[in-house]
Amino acid sequence: MTRGKGARVKQLEAQRRAFETSHVRRSELPGVLLAVFQIVQEEAGTPAFQRIAGRMVRAKAAQVAALARGRT
């Protein structure tokens, strides 16, 4: 590997590591959402939790319906 290529690979690896430390893995999302929902329910109460969860479910359902119709 040439010196320029090696430096570029190192730079890209550093960017990848920085991205991974600042973002949640897709496989961890259910756990993160559950934790957020629990905090919202404890702090804001059940009605606020139900409103927020309902909005998220409706938004996801609309997204799935749009994909099923062939639109994104």
Protein backbone atom coordinates (compact mmCIF):
# COMPACT_ATOMS: atom_id res chain seq x y z
CA MET A 1 0.00 0.00 0.00
CA THR A 2 1.44 3.37 -0.93
CA ARG A 3 2.01 6.04 1.66
CA GLY A 4 -0.90 8.17 0.38
CA LYS A 5 -3.27 5.21 0.34
CA GLY A 6 -2.25 4.15 3.83
CA ALA A 7 -2.86 7.66 5.16
CA ARG A 8 -6.28 7.75 3.47
CA VAL A 9 -7.22 4.36 4.96
CA LYS A 10 -6.19 5.56 8.43
CA GLN A 11 -8.24 8.73 7.96
CA LEU A 12 -11.31 6.76 6.88
CA GLU A 13 -10.93 4.37 9.82
CA ALA A 14 -10.76 7.32 12.21
CA GLN A 15 -13.92 8.77 10.65
CA ARG A 16 -15.67 5.40 10.96
CA ARG A 17 -14.71 5.10 14.64
CA ALA A 18 -15.91 8.65 15.32
CA PHE A 19 -19.22 7.89 13.59
CA GLU A 20 -19.72 4.68 15.57
CA THR A 21 -19.11 6.41 18.89
CA SER A 22 -21.60 9.17 18.14
CA HIS A 23 -24.42 7.05 16.67
CA VAL A 24 -26.61 4.24 17.98
CA ARG A 25 -26.37 0.90 16.22
CA ARG A 26 -29.57 -0.23 14.55
CA SER A 27 -29.59 -3.38 16.66
CA GLU A 28 -29.58 -1.24 19.84
CA LEU A 29 -32.51 1.00 18.84
CA PRO A 30 -35.27 -1.03 20.52
CA GLY A 31 -33.45 -0.83 23.86
CA VAL A 32 -32.80 2.88 23.47
CA LEU A 33 -36.43 3.58 22.56
CA LEU A 34 -37.67 1.54 25.49
CA ALA A 35 -35.42 3.51 27.86
CA VAL A 36 -36.64 6.82 26.41
CA PHE A 37 -40.27 5.72 26.68
CA GLN A 38 -39.77 4.71 30.31
CA ILE A 39 -38.23 8.09 31.14
CA VAL A 40 -41.04 9.95 29.36
CA GLN A 41 -43.68 7.90 31.16
CA GLU A 42 -42.04 8.47 34.55
CA GLU A 43 -41.43 12.19 34.04
CA ALA A 44 -44.43 13.30 31.99
CA GLY A 45 -47.01 10.66 32.87
CA THR A 46 -48.93 8.05 30.97
CA PRO A 47 -51.07 10.41 28.81
CA ALA A 48 -47.98 12.16 27.42
CA PHE A 49 -46.31 8.81 26.81
CA GLN A 50 -49.35 7.55 24.94
CA ARG A 51 -49.45 10.67 22.74
CA ILE A 52 -45.76 10.39 21.86
CA ALA A 53 -45.89 6.65 21.21
CA GLY A 54 -49.06 7.08 19.13
CA ARG A 55 -47.40 9.72 16.96
CA MET A 56 -44.40 7.50 16.38
CA VAL A 57 -46.55 4.52 15.45
CA ARG A 58 -48.71 6.60 13.08
CA ALA A 59 -45.62 8.08 11.40
CA LYS A 60 -44.07 4.65 10.91
CA ALA A 61 -47.37 3.24 9.61
CA ALA A 62 -47.59 6.09 7.09
CA GLN A 63 -44.02 5.41 5.99
CA VAL A 64 -44.71 1.70 5.52
CA ALA A 65 -47.92 2.45 3.60
CA ALA A 66 -46.05 4.84 1.29
CA LEU A 67 -43.40 2.20 0.64
CA ALA A 68 -46.11 -0.37 -0.08
CA ARG A 69 -47.60 2.01 -2.66
CA GLY A 70 -44.19 2.41 -4.25
CA ARG A 71 -43.41 5.91 -2.92
CA THR A 72 -40.73 6.94 -0.45
